[in-house]
Amino acid sequence: MKLSIIREDGAVYQDGVAHLNLNLSYIPSNIHALQWNNDKGWIEYSQDSDGNKQANESINVLPEWANSAITSWVSANSINYSANTANT
């Protein structure tokens, strides 16, 4: 699975399918984004008020907040699928 999560945009991209403006307020405020490809990825951090930014962190396990973002994506995808099916 390829996954990108961008907190400020409320964006979750999974395997090329994007859902935007999701409520991702549960993601820590110092997180800018998460990038994931199959079994590894990294977390990108936001700049702090002094303009400093923590280096990207390599990960091989998705954090719990990323799993919650996937759940939000699945929900949005289901709603979108249902809406498209109802209109055909």
Protein backbone atom coordinates (compact mmCIF):
# COMPACT_ATOMS: atom_id res chain seq x y z
CA MET A 1 0.00 0.00 0.00
CA LYS A 2 1.16 3.50 -0.85
CA LEU A 3 -0.05 6.09 1.61
CA SER A 4 0.41 9.83 2.02
CA ILE A 5 -1.17 11.84 4.83
CA ILE A 6 -0.93 15.64 4.91
CA ARG A 7 -2.32 16.98 8.19
CA GLU A 8 -2.77 20.66 7.24
CA ASP A 9 -4.73 19.77 4.09
CA GLY A 10 -6.82 17.05 5.68
CA ALA A 11 -5.57 14.89 2.82
CA VAL A 12 -5.17 11.12 2.72
CA TYR A 13 -3.95 9.44 -0.45
CA GLN A 14 -4.09 5.66 -0.57
CA ASP A 15 -2.91 3.77 -3.66
CA GLY A 16 -3.51 6.82 -5.84
CA VAL A 17 -7.01 7.66 -4.54
CA ALA A 18 -7.25 10.94 -2.64
CA HIS A 19 -9.78 12.24 -0.15
CA LEU A 20 -9.34 15.85 0.92
CA ASN A 21 -10.62 18.03 3.74
CA LEU A 22 -10.89 15.12 6.16
CA ASN A 23 -10.85 15.90 9.88
CA LEU A 24 -7.32 14.92 10.88
CA SER A 25 -7.23 17.01 14.07
CA TYR A 26 -6.09 13.97 16.06
CA ILE A 27 -2.71 14.02 14.29
CA PRO A 28 -0.09 15.75 16.48
CA SER A 29 0.40 19.39 15.48
CA ASN A 30 4.15 18.95 14.94
CA ILE A 31 3.49 16.47 12.10
CA HIS A 32 3.41 17.82 8.55
CA ALA A 33 3.02 14.56 6.62
CA LEU A 34 3.53 10.83 6.52
CA GLN A 35 4.77 8.93 3.47
CA TRP A 36 4.43 5.13 3.36
CA ASN A 37 5.31 2.53 0.71
CA ASN A 38 4.37 -1.10 1.48
CA ASP A 39 6.33 -1.79 4.67
CA LYS A 40 8.29 1.38 5.44
CA GLY A 41 8.09 5.12 5.27
CA TRP A 42 8.83 8.35 7.06
CA ILE A 43 7.25 11.13 9.04
CA GLU A 44 7.85 14.72 7.99
CA TYR A 45 7.72 17.30 10.77
CA SER A 46 6.47 20.90 10.70
CA GLN A 47 8.59 23.91 11.54
CA ASP A 48 8.23 25.18 15.08
CA SER A 49 7.62 28.83 15.97
CA ASP A 50 11.39 29.48 15.82
CA GLY A 51 11.63 28.11 12.28
CA ASN A 52 13.34 24.89 13.38
CA LYS A 53 12.29 21.58 11.93
CA GLN A 54 12.99 18.09 13.24
CA ALA A 55 14.61 15.76 10.69
CA ASN A 56 12.35 13.27 8.94
CA GLU A 57 11.89 10.07 10.94
CA SER A 58 12.10 6.68 9.22
CA ILE A 59 9.41 4.23 10.34
CA ASN A 60 8.53 0.60 9.69
CA VAL A 61 5.28 0.56 11.68
CA LEU A 62 2.40 2.96 11.08
CA PRO A 63 1.59 5.13 14.10
CA GLU A 64 -1.91 4.79 15.55
CA TRP A 65 -2.92 8.20 14.18
CA ALA A 66 -2.05 6.98 10.67
CA ASN A 67 -4.36 3.99 11.14
CA SER A 68 -7.09 6.44 12.19
CA ALA A 69 -6.44 8.44 9.01
CA ILE A 70 -6.83 5.24 6.97
CA THR A 71 -10.17 4.66 8.70
CA SER A 72 -11.23 8.21 7.72
CA TRP A 73 -10.15 7.51 4.13
CA VAL A 74 -12.14 4.23 4.06
CA SER A 75 -15.22 6.03 5.36
CA ALA A 76 -14.91 8.82 2.77
CA ASN A 77 -14.29 6.26 0.04
CA SER A 78 -17.42 4.32 1.04
CA ILE A 79 -19.55 7.49 1.03
CA ASN A 80 -18.16 8.48 -2.37
CA TYR A 81 -18.79 4.99 -3.76
CA SER A 82 -22.36 4.96 -2.42
CA ALA A 83 -23.07 8.41 -3.89
CA ASN A 84 -21.69 7.40 -7.30
CA THR A 85 -23.63 4.13 -7.28
CA ALA A 86 -26.89 5.92 -6.39
CA ASN A 87 -26.45 8.26 -9.36
CA THR A 88 -26.06 5.53 -11.98
